Amino acid sequence: MSYEAVRQIVEKRFFDAYSSTDAGAQGAVVFLEGRDIVQPTDCLDGTSGTSGTSGTSTPWVVLSIVDGGSKIRAFNKDMRKTSGFVRFSLFVSAGAGTRSVRQLADYIDGIMGFQGGVSDTSNPGNLLTHVGQLRRLADDNDGYLKYVIDFDYDYYE
């Protein structure tokens, strides 16, 4: 039950606060891993479907949840702790520098970092996320600079 509870809480927490029209989001489209991902049509040209190489593409993000182990945490009752991490893969136009990807990471960190609770879901547990950890994966991945930001979590039920 804790895997589905974590997914519900994470998605509700993020999508209740995320707005692609916010300046920090830079219009980034967010996809959920495990569902069909259709890369934005203006990914390499910046003109939404026409050919060219203007280099002003729309950033995009893939949200995934990596569940870890679970164990009983108390002697006198069945309190269970599950740990894992939430990963956001960030894609911005390659060759434009790292400023935009770092601003997008800061925006996501403001939503996900150091948060607790059930985010108005019916789940009985408490999800605590830690600070985000940002790292670069690729300078040019099919025209994109690729970074990931990971948030470790603990779910207590």
N, C-alpha and C. Protein backbone atom coordinates (compact mmCIF):
# COMPACT_ATOMS: atom_id res chain seq x y z
N MET A 1 0.81 -1.19 0.00
CA MET A 1 0.00 0.00 0.00
C MET A 1 0.86 1.26 0.00
N SER A 2 2.04 1.21 0.54
CA SER A 2 2.83 2.43 0.65
C SER A 2 3.30 2.95 -0.70
N TYR A 3 3.51 2.08 -1.69
CA TYR A 3 3.97 2.55 -3.00
C TYR A 3 2.92 3.44 -3.66
N GLU A 4 1.67 3.00 -3.64
CA GLU A 4 0.61 3.79 -4.24
C GLU A 4 0.37 5.07 -3.45
N ALA A 5 0.47 5.00 -2.13
CA ALA A 5 0.29 6.18 -1.30
C ALA A 5 1.35 7.24 -1.62
N VAL A 6 2.60 6.81 -1.74
CA VAL A 6 3.68 7.74 -2.07
C VAL A 6 3.42 8.40 -3.42
N ARG A 7 3.03 7.60 -4.42
CA ARG A 7 2.76 8.16 -5.75
C ARG A 7 1.65 9.20 -5.69
N GLN A 8 0.57 8.89 -4.99
CA GLN A 8 -0.55 9.84 -4.88
C GLN A 8 -0.12 11.14 -4.22
N ILE A 9 0.61 11.02 -3.12
CA ILE A 9 1.03 12.22 -2.39
C ILE A 9 1.99 13.06 -3.23
N VAL A 10 2.98 12.42 -3.84
CA VAL A 10 3.96 13.16 -4.64
C VAL A 10 3.29 13.88 -5.79
N GLU A 11 2.46 13.18 -6.54
CA GLU A 11 1.81 13.81 -7.69
C GLU A 11 0.89 14.94 -7.27
N LYS A 12 0.11 14.74 -6.21
CA LYS A 12 -0.79 15.80 -5.76
C LYS A 12 0.01 16.99 -5.24
N ARG A 13 1.03 16.76 -4.46
CA ARG A 13 1.86 17.84 -3.91
C ARG A 13 2.48 18.66 -5.05
N PHE A 14 3.03 17.96 -6.03
CA PHE A 14 3.71 18.67 -7.11
C PHE A 14 2.72 19.42 -8.01
N PHE A 15 1.71 18.72 -8.51
CA PHE A 15 0.81 19.34 -9.49
C PHE A 15 -0.14 20.37 -8.89
N ASP A 16 -0.37 20.32 -7.58
CA ASP A 16 -1.16 21.38 -6.94
C ASP A 16 -0.39 22.70 -6.91
N ALA A 17 0.94 22.64 -6.88
CA ALA A 17 1.75 23.86 -6.77
C ALA A 17 2.42 24.27 -8.07
N TYR A 18 2.57 23.34 -9.00
CA TYR A 18 3.31 23.63 -10.23
C TYR A 18 2.45 24.38 -11.23
N SER A 19 3.03 25.40 -11.85
CA SER A 19 2.36 26.13 -12.92
C SER A 19 3.39 26.43 -14.01
N SER A 20 3.14 25.94 -15.21
CA SER A 20 4.08 26.16 -16.30
C SER A 20 4.14 27.63 -16.70
N THR A 21 3.16 28.43 -16.28
CA THR A 21 3.18 29.85 -16.59
C THR A 21 3.99 30.66 -15.59
N ASP A 22 4.40 30.06 -14.48
CA ASP A 22 5.26 30.74 -13.53
C ASP A 22 6.62 30.98 -14.17
N ALA A 23 7.22 32.11 -13.91
CA ALA A 23 8.51 32.46 -14.53
C ALA A 23 9.59 31.42 -14.24
N GLY A 24 9.60 30.84 -13.04
CA GLY A 24 10.60 29.84 -12.69
C GLY A 24 10.45 28.55 -13.47
N ALA A 25 9.22 28.24 -13.88
CA ALA A 25 8.97 27.00 -14.63
C ALA A 25 9.36 27.11 -16.09
N GLN A 26 9.43 28.32 -16.60
CA GLN A 26 9.86 28.59 -17.98
C GLN A 26 9.02 27.85 -19.02
N GLY A 27 7.77 27.58 -18.70
CA GLY A 27 6.88 26.91 -19.66
C GLY A 27 7.12 25.42 -19.80
N ALA A 28 7.90 24.83 -18.90
CA ALA A 28 8.26 23.41 -19.00
C ALA A 28 7.03 22.52 -18.92
N VAL A 29 6.96 21.58 -19.84
CA VAL A 29 5.91 20.56 -19.85
C VAL A 29 6.39 19.42 -18.96
N VAL A 30 5.50 18.90 -18.10
CA VAL A 30 5.88 17.82 -17.18
C VAL A 30 5.19 16.52 -17.59
N PHE A 31 5.99 15.45 -17.69
CA PHE A 31 5.49 14.13 -18.02
C PHE A 31 5.73 13.21 -16.83
N LEU A 32 4.89 12.19 -16.70
CA LEU A 32 5.06 11.19 -15.65
C LEU A 32 5.68 9.95 -16.26
N GLU A 33 6.74 9.44 -15.65
CA GLU A 33 7.37 8.22 -16.16
C GLU A 33 6.37 7.08 -16.09
N GLY A 34 6.43 6.21 -17.06
CA GLY A 34 5.50 5.09 -17.10
C GLY A 34 4.27 5.39 -17.92
N ARG A 35 4.13 6.62 -18.35
CA ARG A 35 3.05 6.99 -19.25
C ARG A 35 3.69 7.44 -20.56
N ASP A 36 2.91 7.51 -21.60
CA ASP A 36 3.45 7.92 -22.90
C ASP A 36 4.05 9.32 -22.82
N ILE A 37 5.28 9.43 -23.27
CA ILE A 37 5.95 10.73 -23.30
C ILE A 37 6.06 11.15 -24.76
N VAL A 38 5.48 12.28 -25.07
CA VAL A 38 5.57 12.85 -26.40
C VAL A 38 6.45 14.08 -26.29
N GLN A 39 7.68 13.96 -26.77
CA GLN A 39 8.62 15.07 -26.68
C GLN A 39 8.02 16.29 -27.36
N PRO A 40 8.12 17.47 -26.74
CA PRO A 40 7.54 18.68 -27.33
C PRO A 40 8.02 18.88 -28.78
N THR A 41 7.12 19.33 -29.64
CA THR A 41 7.45 19.46 -31.06
C THR A 41 8.42 20.58 -31.34
N ASP A 42 8.55 21.52 -30.43
CA ASP A 42 9.49 22.62 -30.66
C ASP A 42 10.82 22.38 -29.96
N CYS A 43 11.14 21.11 -29.71
CA CYS A 43 12.30 20.78 -28.90
C CYS A 43 13.62 21.26 -29.49
N LEU A 44 13.78 21.24 -30.77
CA LEU A 44 15.06 21.65 -31.34
C LEU A 44 15.00 22.94 -32.13
N ASP A 45 13.80 23.40 -32.47
CA ASP A 45 13.74 24.58 -33.33
C ASP A 45 13.11 25.80 -32.68
N GLY A 46 12.34 25.61 -31.61
CA GLY A 46 11.76 26.75 -30.92
C GLY A 46 10.57 27.36 -31.64
N THR A 47 10.10 26.73 -32.71
CA THR A 47 9.00 27.31 -33.49
C THR A 47 7.80 26.39 -33.57
N SER A 48 7.68 25.47 -32.66
CA SER A 48 6.53 24.59 -32.53
C SER A 48 6.16 23.85 -33.81
N GLY A 49 7.07 22.99 -34.24
CA GLY A 49 6.75 22.09 -35.32
C GLY A 49 7.38 22.41 -36.66
N THR A 50 7.97 23.57 -36.83
CA THR A 50 8.61 23.88 -38.12
C THR A 50 10.10 23.55 -38.03
N SER A 51 10.71 23.36 -39.16
CA SER A 51 12.12 22.99 -39.14
C SER A 51 13.00 24.21 -38.94
N GLY A 52 14.15 23.97 -38.36
CA GLY A 52 15.08 25.05 -38.07
C GLY A 52 15.92 24.70 -36.87
N THR A 53 16.84 25.57 -36.50
CA THR A 53 17.69 25.31 -35.34
C THR A 53 17.94 26.60 -34.57
N SER A 54 16.85 27.23 -34.12
CA SER A 54 17.02 28.50 -33.41
C SER A 54 17.59 28.32 -32.02
N GLY A 55 17.48 27.12 -31.45
CA GLY A 55 18.06 26.86 -30.14
C GLY A 55 17.25 27.40 -28.98
N THR A 56 16.03 27.85 -29.20
CA THR A 56 15.20 28.35 -28.11
C THR A 56 14.03 27.39 -27.89
N SER A 57 14.33 26.21 -27.43
CA SER A 57 13.31 25.18 -27.27
C SER A 57 12.62 25.28 -25.93
N THR A 58 11.45 24.67 -25.86
CA THR A 58 10.70 24.59 -24.62
C THR A 58 11.32 23.53 -23.73
N PRO A 59 11.62 23.87 -22.48
CA PRO A 59 12.14 22.83 -21.58
C PRO A 59 11.04 21.82 -21.25
N TRP A 60 11.45 20.63 -20.83
CA TRP A 60 10.49 19.62 -20.40
C TRP A 60 11.09 18.81 -19.27
N VAL A 61 10.20 18.16 -18.51
CA VAL A 61 10.56 17.47 -17.28
C VAL A 61 9.88 16.12 -17.26
N VAL A 62 10.59 15.10 -16.73
CA VAL A 62 9.98 13.79 -16.50
C VAL A 62 10.08 13.50 -15.01
N LEU A 63 8.94 13.25 -14.38
CA LEU A 63 8.86 12.94 -12.95
C LEU A 63 8.79 11.43 -12.80
N SER A 64 9.66 10.87 -11.96
CA SER A 64 9.61 9.43 -11.67
C SER A 64 9.85 9.21 -10.17
N ILE A 65 9.30 8.11 -9.69
CA ILE A 65 9.44 7.76 -8.27
C ILE A 65 10.16 6.43 -8.19
N VAL A 66 11.25 6.39 -7.43
CA VAL A 66 12.04 5.17 -7.25
C VAL A 66 11.84 4.72 -5.80
N ASP A 67 11.06 3.66 -5.65
CA ASP A 67 10.77 3.15 -4.30
C ASP A 67 11.91 2.30 -3.79
N GLY A 68 12.18 2.43 -2.52
CA GLY A 68 13.22 1.64 -1.89
C GLY A 68 12.62 0.62 -0.95
N GLY A 69 13.38 0.26 0.03
CA GLY A 69 12.96 -0.76 0.98
C GLY A 69 12.00 -0.24 2.03
N SER A 70 11.42 -1.19 2.74
CA SER A 70 10.45 -0.88 3.78
C SER A 70 10.74 -1.78 4.97
N LYS A 71 10.57 -1.25 6.19
CA LYS A 71 10.77 -2.08 7.37
C LYS A 71 9.95 -1.58 8.54
N ILE A 72 9.71 -2.48 9.50
CA ILE A 72 8.98 -2.13 10.71
C ILE A 72 9.88 -1.26 11.58
N ARG A 73 9.33 -0.15 12.12
CA ARG A 73 10.14 0.81 12.85
C ARG A 73 9.81 0.90 14.34
N ALA A 74 8.90 0.09 14.85
CA ALA A 74 8.55 0.18 16.27
C ALA A 74 8.34 -1.21 16.84
N PHE A 75 8.61 -1.38 18.11
CA PHE A 75 8.47 -2.68 18.76
C PHE A 75 7.05 -2.98 19.20
N ASN A 76 6.30 -1.94 19.56
CA ASN A 76 4.99 -2.18 20.16
C ASN A 76 3.84 -2.03 19.18
N LYS A 77 4.09 -1.63 17.93
CA LYS A 77 3.02 -1.54 16.94
C LYS A 77 3.63 -1.69 15.55
N ASP A 78 2.79 -1.82 14.57
CA ASP A 78 3.26 -2.03 13.21
C ASP A 78 3.48 -0.71 12.47
N MET A 79 4.41 0.08 12.94
CA MET A 79 4.74 1.30 12.22
C MET A 79 5.80 0.97 11.18
N ARG A 80 5.53 1.29 9.92
CA ARG A 80 6.42 0.94 8.82
C ARG A 80 7.01 2.20 8.21
N LYS A 81 8.30 2.11 7.86
CA LYS A 81 8.99 3.20 7.18
C LYS A 81 9.43 2.70 5.80
N THR A 82 9.09 3.47 4.76
CA THR A 82 9.51 3.17 3.40
C THR A 82 10.33 4.35 2.91
N SER A 83 11.45 4.06 2.27
CA SER A 83 12.31 5.12 1.76
C SER A 83 12.49 4.96 0.26
N GLY A 84 12.90 6.03 -0.38
CA GLY A 84 13.17 6.03 -1.82
C GLY A 84 13.52 7.44 -2.24
N PHE A 85 13.37 7.72 -3.53
CA PHE A 85 13.58 9.10 -3.98
C PHE A 85 12.68 9.42 -5.15
N VAL A 86 12.39 10.72 -5.27
CA VAL A 86 11.62 11.25 -6.38
C VAL A 86 12.62 11.93 -7.30
N ARG A 87 12.58 11.57 -8.59
CA ARG A 87 13.54 12.12 -9.56
C ARG A 87 12.81 12.96 -10.59
N PHE A 88 13.35 14.15 -10.83
CA PHE A 88 12.90 15.00 -11.91
C PHE A 88 14.04 15.08 -12.91
N SER A 89 13.81 14.60 -14.13
CA SER A 89 14.79 14.74 -15.21
C SER A 89 14.45 16.01 -15.96
N LEU A 90 15.40 16.93 -16.02
CA LEU A 90 15.17 18.25 -16.62
C LEU A 90 15.87 18.33 -17.96
N PHE A 91 15.17 18.78 -18.98
CA PHE A 91 15.72 18.91 -20.32
C PHE A 91 15.54 20.35 -20.78
N VAL A 92 16.65 21.03 -21.08
CA VAL A 92 16.60 22.38 -21.64
C VAL A 92 17.51 22.40 -22.86
N SER A 93 17.37 23.42 -23.68
CA SER A 93 18.12 23.53 -24.92
C SER A 93 19.62 23.47 -24.66
N ALA A 94 20.32 22.59 -25.40
CA ALA A 94 21.77 22.48 -25.26
C ALA A 94 22.44 23.71 -25.84
N GLY A 95 23.58 24.09 -25.27
CA GLY A 95 24.36 25.20 -25.78
C GLY A 95 23.92 26.56 -25.28
N ALA A 96 22.88 26.62 -24.47
CA ALA A 96 22.38 27.90 -23.98
C ALA A 96 22.88 28.21 -22.57
N GLY A 97 23.78 27.40 -22.04
CA GLY A 97 24.26 27.61 -20.67
C GLY A 97 23.39 26.88 -19.67
N THR A 98 23.77 26.99 -18.40
CA THR A 98 23.07 26.24 -17.35
C THR A 98 22.11 27.09 -16.53
N ARG A 99 22.00 28.37 -16.83
CA ARG A 99 21.15 29.24 -16.02
C ARG A 99 19.70 28.77 -16.01
N SER A 100 19.15 28.47 -17.18
CA SER A 100 17.73 28.10 -17.24
C SER A 100 17.46 26.78 -16.52
N VAL A 101 18.34 25.80 -16.63
CA VAL A 101 18.11 24.53 -15.95
C VAL A 101 18.23 24.70 -14.44
N ARG A 102 19.11 25.57 -13.99
CA ARG A 102 19.24 25.81 -12.54
C ARG A 102 18.05 26.59 -11.99
N GLN A 103 17.50 27.51 -12.77
CA GLN A 103 16.29 28.22 -12.34
C GLN A 103 15.10 27.26 -12.26
N LEU A 104 15.00 26.37 -13.23
CA LEU A 104 13.93 25.36 -13.21
C LEU A 104 14.09 24.44 -12.00
N ALA A 105 15.32 24.04 -11.71
CA ALA A 105 15.59 23.19 -10.54
C ALA A 105 15.24 23.92 -9.24
N ASP A 106 15.55 25.20 -9.15
CA ASP A 106 15.19 25.98 -7.96
C ASP A 106 13.68 26.04 -7.77
N TYR A 107 12.96 26.20 -8.88
CA TYR A 107 11.50 26.26 -8.81
C TYR A 107 10.93 24.93 -8.30
N ILE A 108 11.42 23.82 -8.84
CA ILE A 108 10.95 22.50 -8.41
C ILE A 108 11.34 22.24 -6.96
N ASP A 109 12.55 22.65 -6.57
CA ASP A 109 12.99 22.47 -5.19
C ASP A 109 12.10 23.24 -4.22
N GLY A 110 11.62 24.40 -4.63
CA GLY A 110 10.70 25.18 -3.79
C GLY A 110 9.38 24.46 -3.54
N ILE A 111 8.99 23.60 -4.46
CA ILE A 111 7.75 22.83 -4.31
C ILE A 111 7.98 21.56 -3.51
N MET A 112 9.07 20.83 -3.80
CA MET A 112 9.26 19.49 -3.26
C MET A 112 10.19 19.40 -2.05
N GLY A 113 11.16 20.29 -1.94
CA GLY A 113 12.18 20.18 -0.89
C GLY A 113 11.65 20.45 0.51
N PHE A 114 12.04 19.61 1.46
CA PHE A 114 11.68 19.75 2.87
C PHE A 114 10.19 19.93 3.08
N GLN A 115 9.40 19.00 2.54
CA GLN A 115 7.95 19.02 2.71
C GLN A 115 7.50 17.80 3.48
N GLY A 116 6.39 17.91 4.20
CA GLY A 116 5.86 16.79 4.95
C GLY A 116 4.35 16.77 4.90
N GLY A 117 3.77 15.62 5.23
CA GLY A 117 2.32 15.50 5.30
C GLY A 117 1.76 14.57 4.25
N VAL A 118 0.42 14.60 4.09
CA VAL A 118 -0.26 13.73 3.15
C VAL A 118 -0.83 14.51 1.97
N SER A 119 -0.67 15.82 1.94
CA SER A 119 -1.11 16.68 0.83
C SER A 119 -2.58 16.49 0.48
N ASP A 120 -3.43 16.46 1.50
CA ASP A 120 -4.88 16.33 1.32
C ASP A 120 -5.29 15.09 0.55
N THR A 121 -4.59 13.99 0.76
CA THR A 121 -5.03 12.71 0.22
C THR A 121 -5.59 11.89 1.38
N SER A 122 -6.19 10.76 1.08
CA SER A 122 -6.79 9.93 2.13
C SER A 122 -5.79 8.93 2.72
N ASN A 123 -4.52 9.08 2.41
CA ASN A 123 -3.52 8.12 2.88
C ASN A 123 -3.23 8.33 4.37
N PRO A 124 -3.04 7.22 5.10
CA PRO A 124 -2.85 7.33 6.55
C PRO A 124 -1.44 7.73 6.98
N GLY A 125 -0.48 7.62 6.10
CA GLY A 125 0.91 7.87 6.47
C GLY A 125 1.33 9.32 6.32
N ASN A 126 2.63 9.55 6.50
CA ASN A 126 3.21 10.87 6.42
C ASN A 126 4.44 10.81 5.53
N LEU A 127 4.46 11.57 4.44
CA LEU A 127 5.59 11.58 3.51
C LEU A 127 6.46 12.80 3.78
N LEU A 128 7.73 12.55 4.07
CA LEU A 128 8.69 13.62 4.30
C LEU A 128 9.72 13.60 3.18
N THR A 129 9.89 14.72 2.48
CA THR A 129 10.92 14.81 1.45
C THR A 129 12.07 15.66 1.96
N HIS A 130 13.25 15.37 1.48
CA HIS A 130 14.46 16.08 1.90
C HIS A 130 14.86 17.09 0.82
N VAL A 131 16.01 17.70 1.00
CA VAL A 131 16.49 18.70 0.05
C VAL A 131 16.83 18.04 -1.29
N GLY A 132 16.64 18.77 -2.38
CA GLY A 132 16.95 18.26 -3.70
C GLY A 132 18.45 18.23 -3.97
N GLN A 133 18.87 17.23 -4.73
CA GLN A 133 20.28 17.08 -5.12
C GLN A 133 20.35 17.14 -6.63
N LEU A 134 20.99 18.19 -7.15
CA LEU A 134 21.03 18.45 -8.58
C LEU A 134 22.35 17.97 -9.16
N ARG A 135 22.28 17.29 -10.32
CA ARG A 135 23.52 16.91 -11.02
C ARG A 135 23.28 16.83 -12.51
N ARG A 136 24.36 17.07 -13.26
CA ARG A 136 24.32 17.06 -14.71
C ARG A 136 24.53 15.65 -15.22
N LEU A 137 23.75 15.26 -16.23
CA LEU A 137 23.91 13.95 -16.84
C LEU A 137 24.48 14.04 -18.26
N ALA A 138 24.08 15.07 -19.03
CA ALA A 138 24.56 15.17 -20.41
C ALA A 138 24.54 16.62 -20.88
N ASP A 139 25.57 17.01 -21.62
CA ASP A 139 25.64 18.35 -22.21
C ASP A 139 24.81 18.44 -23.48
N ASP A 140 24.70 17.35 -24.21
CA ASP A 140 23.92 17.37 -25.45
C ASP A 140 23.29 15.99 -25.65
N ASN A 141 22.07 15.84 -25.19
CA ASN A 141 21.30 14.60 -25.33
C ASN A 141 20.20 14.88 -26.34
N ASP A 142 20.47 14.63 -27.62
CA ASP A 142 19.52 14.92 -28.71
C ASP A 142 19.10 16.39 -28.70
N GLY A 143 20.06 17.28 -28.50
CA GLY A 143 19.77 18.71 -28.53
C GLY A 143 19.42 19.31 -27.18
N TYR A 144 19.49 18.51 -26.13
CA TYR A 144 19.12 18.98 -24.79
C TYR A 144 20.27 18.85 -23.80
N LEU A 145 20.35 19.82 -22.91
CA LEU A 145 21.18 19.72 -21.71
C LEU A 145 20.32 18.96 -20.71
N LYS A 146 20.83 17.88 -20.13
CA LYS A 146 20.03 17.04 -19.24
C LYS A 146 20.61 17.06 -17.83
N TYR A 147 19.77 17.43 -16.87
CA TYR A 147 20.09 17.40 -15.46
C TYR A 147 19.04 16.55 -14.75
N VAL A 148 19.37 16.07 -13.56
CA VAL A 148 18.36 15.44 -12.71
C VAL A 148 18.42 16.10 -11.34
N ILE A 149 17.26 16.19 -10.71
CA ILE A 149 17.20 16.63 -9.32
C ILE A 149 16.45 15.55 -8.56
N ASP A 150 17.10 15.01 -7.52
CA ASP A 150 16.55 13.91 -6.73
C ASP A 150 16.16 14.41 -5.34
N PHE A 151 15.03 13.95 -4.86
CA PHE A 151 14.56 14.25 -3.51
C PHE A 151 14.40 12.93 -2.77
N ASP A 152 15.25 12.66 -1.78
CA ASP A 152 15.07 11.48 -0.94
C ASP A 152 13.79 11.66 -0.13
N TYR A 153 13.09 10.56 0.11
CA TYR A 153 11.89 10.64 0.93
C TYR A 153 11.84 9.50 1.92
N ASP A 154 11.08 9.73 2.99
CA ASP A 154 10.71 8.71 3.97
C ASP A 154 9.20 8.77 4.13
N TYR A 155 8.55 7.62 4.02
CA TYR A 155 7.12 7.54 4.19
C TYR A 155 6.84 6.67 5.43
N TYR A 156 6.17 7.26 6.41
CA TYR A 156 5.85 6.55 7.66
C TYR A 156 4.37 6.23 7.66
N GLU A 157 4.04 4.95 7.88
CA GLU A 157 2.62 4.57 7.99
C GLU A 157 2.43 3.64 9.17
